[in-house]
Amino acid sequence: MEVSIVQIGNSKGIRFSKTIIEKYNLRDKVDLILEKGQIIIKPLNTPRNGWDEAFKEMSEKGDDRLLFNDVFDDENLEEWK
């Protein structure tokens, strides 16, 4: 697809259509990869975005307890030394 490079203040940029923005899930930031004579633009992958707030809310509700003990009754901790 051919697109025009446009003047944006002292810089230049590329405008993306609404269709491309929605199709490729582009938000406020993207990953810009410079590779072998190519420029690759990818959606910024933030899989843990919002986890801090979720963990804080869980803690406030007392919903952050362990589901099972992290040390089992029959576990031999000596073998890990």
PDB file of N, CA and C in Angstrom:
ATOM      1  N   MET A   1       0.844  -1.167   0.000  1.00  0.00           N
ATOM      2  CA  MET A   1       0.000   0.000   0.000  1.00  0.00           C
ATOM      3  C   MET A   1       0.895   1.237   0.000  1.00  0.00           C
ATOM      4  N   GLU A   2       0.649   2.137  -0.862  1.00  0.00           N
ATOM      5  CA  GLU A   2       1.415   3.375  -0.939  1.00  0.00           C
ATOM      6  C   GLU A   2       0.722   4.452  -0.122  1.00  0.00           C
ATOM      7  N   VAL A   3       1.497   5.118   0.748  1.00  0.00           N
ATOM      8  CA  VAL A   3       0.960   6.213   1.552  1.00  0.00           C
ATOM      9  C   VAL A   3       1.900   7.405   1.443  1.00  0.00           C
ATOM     10  N   SER A   4       1.367   8.584   1.679  1.00  0.00           N
ATOM     11  CA  SER A   4       2.175   9.805   1.625  1.00  0.00           C
ATOM     12  C   SER A   4       2.777  10.103   2.991  1.00  0.00           C
ATOM     13  N   ILE A   5       3.984  10.642   2.976  1.00  0.00           N
ATOM     14  CA  ILE A   5       4.611  11.147   4.187  1.00  0.00           C
ATOM     15  C   ILE A   5       4.223  12.608   4.296  1.00  0.00           C
ATOM     16  N   VAL A   6       3.683  13.004   5.464  1.00  0.00           N
ATOM     17  CA  VAL A   6       3.157  14.359   5.636  1.00  0.00           C
ATOM     18  C   VAL A   6       3.982  15.135   6.653  1.00  0.00           C
ATOM     19  N   GLN A   7       3.978  16.448   6.513  1.00  0.00           N
ATOM     20  CA  GLN A   7       4.673  17.334   7.440  1.00  0.00           C
ATOM     21  C   GLN A   7       3.868  17.431   8.736  1.00  0.00           C
ATOM     22  N   ILE A   8       4.551  17.232   9.869  1.00  0.00           N
ATOM     23  CA  ILE A   8       3.935  17.379  11.190  1.00  0.00           C
ATOM     24  C   ILE A   8       4.896  18.241  12.004  1.00  0.00           C
ATOM     25  N   GLY A   9       4.662  19.549  12.031  1.00  0.00           N
ATOM     26  CA  GLY A   9       5.586  20.468  12.690  1.00  0.00           C
ATOM     27  C   GLY A   9       6.934  20.417  11.986  1.00  0.00           C
ATOM     28  N   ASN A  10       8.019  20.191  12.755  1.00  0.00           N
ATOM     29  CA  ASN A  10       9.354  20.066  12.167  1.00  0.00           C
ATOM     30  C   ASN A  10       9.668  18.631  11.741  1.00  0.00           C
ATOM     31  N   SER A  11       8.744  17.728  11.971  1.00  0.00           N
ATOM     32  CA  SER A  11       8.944  16.316  11.660  1.00  0.00           C
ATOM     33  C   SER A  11       8.064  15.902  10.500  1.00  0.00           C
ATOM     34  N   LYS A  12       8.137  14.641  10.161  1.00  0.00           N
ATOM     35  CA  LYS A  12       7.257  14.067   9.141  1.00  0.00           C
ATOM     36  C   LYS A  12       6.657  12.797   9.694  1.00  0.00           C
ATOM     37  N   GLY A  13       5.508  12.408   9.170  1.00  0.00           N
ATOM     38  CA  GLY A  13       4.836  11.219   9.673  1.00  0.00           C
ATOM     39  C   GLY A  13       3.938  10.599   8.631  1.00  0.00           C
ATOM     40  N   ILE A  14       3.350   9.501   9.019  1.00  0.00           N
ATOM     41  CA  ILE A  14       2.405   8.772   8.172  1.00  0.00           C
ATOM     42  C   ILE A  14       1.065   8.766   8.897  1.00  0.00           C
ATOM     43  N   ARG A  15      -0.002   9.028   8.180  1.00  0.00           N
ATOM     44  CA  ARG A  15      -1.341   8.959   8.760  1.00  0.00           C
ATOM     45  C   ARG A  15      -1.930   7.594   8.453  1.00  0.00           C
ATOM     46  N   PHE A  16      -2.586   7.022   9.470  1.00  0.00           N
ATOM     47  CA  PHE A  16      -3.256   5.746   9.286  1.00  0.00           C
ATOM     48  C   PHE A  16      -4.761   5.981   9.232  1.00  0.00           C
ATOM     49  N   SER A  17      -5.436   5.290   8.342  1.00  0.00           N
ATOM     50  CA  SER A  17      -6.891   5.407   8.266  1.00  0.00           C
ATOM     51  C   SER A  17      -7.524   4.743   9.484  1.00  0.00           C
ATOM     52  N   LYS A  18      -8.751   5.118   9.759  1.00  0.00           N
ATOM     53  CA  LYS A  18      -9.484   4.535  10.878  1.00  0.00           C
ATOM     54  C   LYS A  18      -9.582   3.018  10.713  1.00  0.00           C
ATOM     55  N   THR A  19      -9.761   2.555   9.486  1.00  0.00           N
ATOM     56  CA  THR A  19      -9.871   1.122   9.216  1.00  0.00           C
ATOM     57  C   THR A  19      -8.607   0.383   9.617  1.00  0.00           C
ATOM     58  N   ILE A  20      -7.442   0.925   9.263  1.00  0.00           N
ATOM     59  CA  ILE A  20      -6.165   0.291   9.613  1.00  0.00           C
ATOM     60  C   ILE A  20      -5.951   0.332  11.120  1.00  0.00           C
ATOM     61  N   ILE A  21      -6.262   1.457  11.741  1.00  0.00           N
ATOM     62  CA  ILE A  21      -6.097   1.589  13.195  1.00  0.00           C
ATOM     63  C   ILE A  21      -6.923   0.537  13.919  1.00  0.00           C
ATOM     64  N   GLU A  22      -8.161   0.348  13.508  1.00  0.00           N
ATOM     65  CA  GLU A  22      -9.020  -0.640  14.160  1.00  0.00           C
ATOM     66  C   GLU A  22      -8.613  -2.072  13.826  1.00  0.00           C
ATOM     67  N   LYS A  23      -8.294  -2.328  12.568  1.00  0.00           N
ATOM     68  CA  LYS A  23      -7.947  -3.689  12.135  1.00  0.00           C
ATOM     69  C   LYS A  23      -6.690  -4.206  12.842  1.00  0.00           C
ATOM     70  N   TYR A  24      -5.691  -3.326  13.024  1.00  0.00           N
ATOM     71  CA  TYR A  24      -4.423  -3.755  13.611  1.00  0.00           C
ATOM     72  C   TYR A  24      -4.283  -3.352  15.074  1.00  0.00           C
ATOM     73  N   ASN A  25      -5.384  -2.885  15.665  1.00  0.00           N
ATOM     74  CA  ASN A  25      -5.429  -2.564  17.091  1.00  0.00           C
ATOM     75  C   ASN A  25      -4.314  -1.591  17.495  1.00  0.00           C
ATOM     76  N   LEU A  26      -4.148  -0.516  16.742  1.00  0.00           N
ATOM     77  CA  LEU A  26      -3.140   0.496  17.042  1.00  0.00           C
ATOM     78  C   LEU A  26      -3.703   1.464  18.070  1.00  0.00           C
ATOM     79  N   ARG A  27      -2.904   1.787  19.073  1.00  0.00           N
ATOM     80  CA  ARG A  27      -3.322   2.696  20.131  1.00  0.00           C
ATOM     81  C   ARG A  27      -2.399   3.913  20.133  1.00  0.00           C
ATOM     82  N   ASP A  28      -2.114   4.461  21.317  1.00  0.00           N
ATOM     83  CA  ASP A  28      -1.289   5.657  21.434  1.00  0.00           C
ATOM     84  C   ASP A  28       0.180   5.402  21.122  1.00  0.00           C
ATOM     85  N   LYS A  29       0.640   4.165  21.315  1.00  0.00           N
ATOM     86  CA  LYS A  29       2.034   3.822  21.043  1.00  0.00           C
ATOM     87  C   LYS A  29       2.094   2.559  20.205  1.00  0.00           C
ATOM     88  N   VAL A  30       3.163   2.436  19.404  1.00  0.00           N
ATOM     89  CA  VAL A  30       3.395   1.246  18.597  1.00  0.00           C
ATOM     90  C   VAL A  30       4.847   0.807  18.747  1.00  0.00           C
ATOM     91  N   ASP A  31       5.120  -0.428  18.384  1.00  0.00           N
ATOM     92  CA  ASP A  31       6.486  -0.930  18.305  1.00  0.00           C
ATOM     93  C   ASP A  31       7.030  -0.575  16.925  1.00  0.00           C
ATOM     94  N   LEU A  32       8.176   0.095  16.872  1.00  0.00           N
ATOM     95  CA  LEU A  32       8.817   0.451  15.611  1.00  0.00           C
ATOM     96  C   LEU A  32      10.089  -0.385  15.496  1.00  0.00           C
ATOM     97  N   ILE A  33      10.137  -1.257  14.488  1.00  0.00           N
ATOM     98  CA  ILE A  33      11.263  -2.168  14.310  1.00  0.00           C
ATOM     99  C   ILE A  33      11.981  -1.793  13.014  1.00  0.00           C
ATOM    100  N   LEU A  34      13.278  -1.492  13.138  1.00  0.00           N
ATOM    101  CA  LEU A  34      14.107  -1.169  11.969  1.00  0.00           C
ATOM    102  C   LEU A  34      14.929  -2.413  11.657  1.00  0.00           C
ATOM    103  N   GLU A  35      14.694  -2.997  10.482  1.00  0.00           N
ATOM    104  CA  GLU A  35      15.282  -4.297  10.195  1.00  0.00           C
ATOM    105  C   GLU A  35      15.556  -4.466   8.699  1.00  0.00           C
ATOM    106  N   LYS A  36      16.809  -4.675   8.340  1.00  0.00           N
ATOM    107  CA  LYS A  36      17.207  -5.014   6.964  1.00  0.00           C
ATOM    108  C   LYS A  36      16.539  -4.124   5.912  1.00  0.00           C
ATOM    109  N   GLY A  37      16.665  -2.820   6.070  1.00  0.00           N
ATOM    110  CA  GLY A  37      16.113  -1.906   5.085  1.00  0.00           C
ATOM    111  C   GLY A  37      14.600  -1.752   5.142  1.00  0.00           C
ATOM    112  N   GLN A  38      13.991  -2.216   6.217  1.00  0.00           N
ATOM    113  CA  GLN A  38      12.546  -2.123   6.363  1.00  0.00           C
ATOM    114  C   GLN A  38      12.191  -1.416   7.667  1.00  0.00           C
ATOM    115  N   ILE A  39      11.045  -0.800   7.678  1.00  0.00           N
ATOM    116  CA  ILE A  39      10.478  -0.252   8.911  1.00  0.00           C
ATOM    117  C   ILE A  39       9.188  -1.021   9.160  1.00  0.00           C
ATOM    118  N   ILE A  40       9.118  -1.674  10.306  1.00  0.00           N
ATOM    119  CA  ILE A  40       7.943  -2.473  10.651  1.00  0.00           C
ATOM    120  C   ILE A  40       7.241  -1.788  11.822  1.00  0.00           C
ATOM    121  N   ILE A  41       5.950  -1.561  11.673  1.00  0.00           N
ATOM    122  CA  ILE A  41       5.148  -0.954  12.721  1.00  0.00           C
ATOM    123  C   ILE A  41       4.182  -2.016  13.231  1.00  0.00           C
ATOM    124  N   LYS A  42       4.262  -2.310  14.536  1.00  0.00           N
ATOM    125  CA  LYS A  42       3.403  -3.333  15.131  1.00  0.00           C
ATOM    126  C   LYS A  42       2.667  -2.737  16.322  1.00  0.00           C
ATOM    127  N   PRO A  43       1.470  -3.249  16.611  1.00  0.00           N
ATOM    128  CA  PRO A  43       0.786  -2.806  17.825  1.00  0.00           C
ATOM    129  C   PRO A  43       1.662  -3.104  19.034  1.00  0.00           C
ATOM    130  N   LEU A  44       1.666  -2.198  19.990  1.00  0.00           N
ATOM    131  CA  LEU A  44       2.442  -2.396  21.202  1.00  0.00           C
ATOM    132  C   LEU A  44       1.739  -3.451  22.040  1.00  0.00           C
ATOM    133  N   ASN A  45       2.445  -4.523  22.333  1.00  0.00           N
ATOM    134  CA  ASN A  45       1.874  -5.634  23.076  1.00  0.00           C
ATOM    135  C   ASN A  45       2.111  -5.409  24.565  1.00  0.00           C
ATOM    136  N   THR A  46       1.050  -5.117  25.300  1.00  0.00           N
ATOM    137  CA  THR A  46       1.161  -4.909  26.747  1.00  0.00           C
ATOM    138  C   THR A  46       0.213  -5.866  27.458  1.00  0.00           C
ATOM    139  N   PRO A  47       0.586  -7.146  27.508  1.00  0.00           N
ATOM    140  CA  PRO A  47      -0.325  -8.140  28.071  1.00  0.00           C
ATOM    141  C   PRO A  47      -0.592  -7.966  29.553  1.00  0.00           C
ATOM    142  N   ARG A  48       0.302  -7.309  30.290  1.00  0.00           N
ATOM    143  CA  ARG A  48       0.108  -7.150  31.731  1.00  0.00           C
ATOM    144  C   ARG A  48      -0.375  -5.744  32.091  1.00  0.00           C
ATOM    145  N   ASN A  49      -0.832  -5.021  31.104  1.00  0.00           N
ATOM    146  CA  ASN A  49      -1.330  -3.675  31.338  1.00  0.00           C
ATOM    147  C   ASN A  49      -2.529  -3.727  32.279  1.00  0.00           C
ATOM    148  N   GLY A  50      -2.486  -2.946  33.358  1.00  0.00           N
ATOM    149  CA  GLY A  50      -3.586  -2.885  34.312  1.00  0.00           C
ATOM    150  C   GLY A  50      -3.471  -3.865  35.461  1.00  0.00           C
ATOM    151  N   TRP A  51      -2.442  -4.711  35.456  1.00  0.00           N
ATOM    152  CA  TRP A  51      -2.302  -5.703  36.523  1.00  0.00           C
ATOM    153  C   TRP A  51      -2.064  -5.041  37.876  1.00  0.00           C
ATOM    154  N   ASP A  52      -1.292  -3.954  37.919  1.00  0.00           N
ATOM    155  CA  ASP A  52      -1.024  -3.283  39.200  1.00  0.00           C
ATOM    156  C   ASP A  52      -2.322  -2.889  39.891  1.00  0.00           C
ATOM    157  N   GLU A  53      -3.232  -2.288  39.141  1.00  0.00           N
ATOM    158  CA  GLU A  53      -4.504  -1.874  39.710  1.00  0.00           C
ATOM    159  C   GLU A  53      -5.333  -3.076  40.144  1.00  0.00           C
ATOM    160  N   ALA A  54      -5.311  -4.132  39.334  1.00  0.00           N
ATOM    161  CA  ALA A  54      -6.077  -5.332  39.662  1.00  0.00           C
ATOM    162  C   ALA A  54      -5.548  -5.988  40.940  1.00  0.00           C
ATOM    163  N   PHE A  55      -4.217  -6.067  41.085  1.00  0.00           N
ATOM    164  CA  PHE A  55      -3.635  -6.663  42.286  1.00  0.00           C
ATOM    165  C   PHE A  55      -3.941  -5.820  43.523  1.00  0.00           C
ATOM    166  N   LYS A  56      -3.904  -4.503  43.361  1.00  0.00           N
ATOM    167  CA  LYS A  56      -4.214  -3.622  44.497  1.00  0.00           C
ATOM    168  C   LYS A  56      -5.657  -3.836  44.939  1.00  0.00           C
ATOM    169  N   GLU A  57      -6.565  -3.915  43.989  1.00  0.00           N
ATOM    170  CA  GLU A  57      -7.971  -4.131  44.299  1.00  0.00           C
ATOM    171  C   GLU A  57      -8.182  -5.496  44.958  1.00  0.00           C
ATOM    172  N   MET A  58      -7.490  -6.524  44.471  1.00  0.00           N
ATOM    173  CA  MET A  58      -7.588  -7.855  45.076  1.00  0.00           C
ATOM    174  C   MET A  58      -7.120  -7.816  46.528  1.00  0.00           C
ATOM    175  N   SER A  59      -6.005  -7.104  46.773  1.00  0.00           N
ATOM    176  CA  SER A  59      -5.460  -7.008  48.125  1.00  0.00           C
ATOM    177  C   SER A  59      -6.440  -6.300  49.060  1.00  0.00           C
ATOM    178  N   GLU A  60      -7.037  -5.220  48.574  1.00  0.00           N
ATOM    179  CA  GLU A  60      -7.986  -4.471  49.393  1.00  0.00           C
ATOM    180  C   GLU A  60      -9.218  -5.309  49.749  1.00  0.00           C
ATOM    181  N   LYS A  61      -9.610  -6.205  48.835  1.00  0.00           N
ATOM    182  CA  LYS A  61     -10.764  -7.072  49.069  1.00  0.00           C
ATOM    183  C   LYS A  61     -10.393  -8.351  49.806  1.00  0.00           C
ATOM    184  N   GLY A  62      -9.086  -8.560  50.068  1.00  0.00           N
ATOM    185  CA  GLY A  62      -8.646  -9.789  50.731  1.00  0.00           C
ATOM    186  C   GLY A  62      -8.736 -11.002  49.834  1.00  0.00           C
ATOM    187  N   ASP A  63      -8.699 -10.762  48.531  1.00  0.00           N
ATOM    188  CA  ASP A  63      -8.851 -11.835  47.555  1.00  0.00           C
ATOM    189  C   ASP A  63      -7.510 -12.252  46.948  1.00  0.00           C
ATOM    190  N   ASP A  64      -6.416 -11.989  47.667  1.00  0.00           N
ATOM    191  CA  ASP A  64      -5.100 -12.306  47.127  1.00  0.00           C
ATOM    192  C   ASP A  64      -4.404 -13.406  47.929  1.00  0.00           C
ATOM    193  N   ARG A  65      -5.173 -14.271  48.538  1.00  0.00           N
ATOM    194  CA  ARG A  65      -4.587 -15.359  49.324  1.00  0.00           C
ATOM    195  C   ARG A  65      -4.152 -16.500  48.401  1.00  0.00           C
ATOM    196  N   LEU A  66      -3.240 -17.336  48.907  1.00  0.00           N
ATOM    197  CA  LEU A  66      -2.775 -18.485  48.139  1.00  0.00           C
ATOM    198  C   LEU A  66      -3.900 -19.504  47.997  1.00  0.00           C
ATOM    199  N   LEU A  67      -3.979 -20.136  46.836  1.00  0.00           N
ATOM    200  CA  LEU A  67      -4.982 -21.163  46.627  1.00  0.00           C
ATOM    201  C   LEU A  67      -4.536 -22.496  47.220  1.00  0.00           C
ATOM    202  N   PHE A  68      -3.217 -22.676  47.325  1.00  0.00           N
ATOM    203  CA  PHE A  68      -2.665 -23.863  47.976  1.00  0.00           C
ATOM    204  C   PHE A  68      -1.330 -23.472  48.582  1.00  0.00           C
ATOM    205  N   ASN A  69      -0.880 -24.233  49.560  1.00  0.00           N
ATOM    206  CA  ASN A  69       0.379 -23.930  50.238  1.00  0.00           C
ATOM    207  C   ASN A  69       1.547 -23.973  49.259  1.00  0.00           C
ATOM    208  N   ASP A  70       2.502 -23.075  49.451  1.00  0.00           N
ATOM    209  CA  ASP A  70       3.659 -23.078  48.561  1.00  0.00           C
ATOM    210  C   ASP A  70       4.712 -24.093  49.006  1.00  0.00           C
ATOM    211  N   VAL A  71       4.560 -24.685  50.189  1.00  0.00           N
ATOM    212  CA  VAL A  71       5.405 -25.783  50.653  1.00  0.00           C
ATOM    213  C   VAL A  71       4.468 -26.902  51.093  1.00  0.00           C
ATOM    214  N   PHE A  72       4.677 -28.080  50.527  1.00  0.00           N
ATOM    215  CA  PHE A  72       3.804 -29.204  50.851  1.00  0.00           C
ATOM    216  C   PHE A  72       4.349 -29.980  52.049  1.00  0.00           C
ATOM    217  N   ASP A  73       3.462 -30.656  52.766  1.00  0.00           N
ATOM    218  CA  ASP A  73       3.836 -31.403  53.965  1.00  0.00           C
ATOM    219  C   ASP A  73       4.913 -32.450  53.689  1.00  0.00           C
ATOM    220  N   ASP A  74       4.859 -33.102  52.537  1.00  0.00           N
ATOM    221  CA  ASP A  74       5.807 -34.179  52.235  1.00  0.00           C
ATOM    222  C   ASP A  74       7.036 -33.698  51.462  1.00  0.00           C
ATOM    223  N   GLU A  75       7.213 -32.401  51.341  1.00  0.00           N
ATOM    224  CA  GLU A  75       8.336 -31.859  50.562  1.00  0.00           C
ATOM    225  C   GLU A  75       9.619 -31.866  51.394  1.00  0.00           C
ATOM    226  N   ASN A  76      10.717 -32.308  50.774  1.00  0.00           N
ATOM    227  CA  ASN A  76      12.011 -32.362  51.433  1.00  0.00           C
ATOM    228  C   ASN A  76      12.842 -31.160  50.991  1.00  0.00           C
ATOM    229  N   LEU A  77      12.903 -30.134  51.823  1.00  0.00           N
ATOM    230  CA  LEU A  77      13.615 -28.913  51.453  1.00  0.00           C
ATOM    231  C   LEU A  77      15.134 -29.079  51.515  1.00  0.00           C
ATOM    232  N   GLU A  78      15.607 -30.108  52.202  1.00  0.00           N
ATOM    233  CA  GLU A  78      17.048 -30.361  52.318  1.00  0.00           C
ATOM    234  C   GLU A  78      17.690 -30.674  50.966  1.00  0.00           C
ATOM    235  N   GLU A  79      16.940 -31.326  50.096  1.00  0.00           N
ATOM    236  CA  GLU A  79      17.510 -31.721  48.802  1.00  0.00           C
ATOM    237  C   GLU A  79      17.756 -30.517  47.883  1.00  0.00           C
ATOM    238  N   TRP A  80      17.234 -29.343  48.213  1.00  0.00           N
ATOM    239  CA  TRP A  80      17.411 -28.152  47.400  1.00  0.00           C
ATOM    240  C   TRP A  80      18.604 -27.320  47.835  1.00  0.00           C
ATOM    241  N   LYS A  81      19.289 -27.738  48.882  1.00  0.00           N
ATOM    242  CA  LYS A  81      20.455 -26.976  49.362  1.00  0.00           C
ATOM    243  C   LYS A  81      21.695 -27.292  48.574  1.00  0.00           C
TER     244      LYS A  81
END
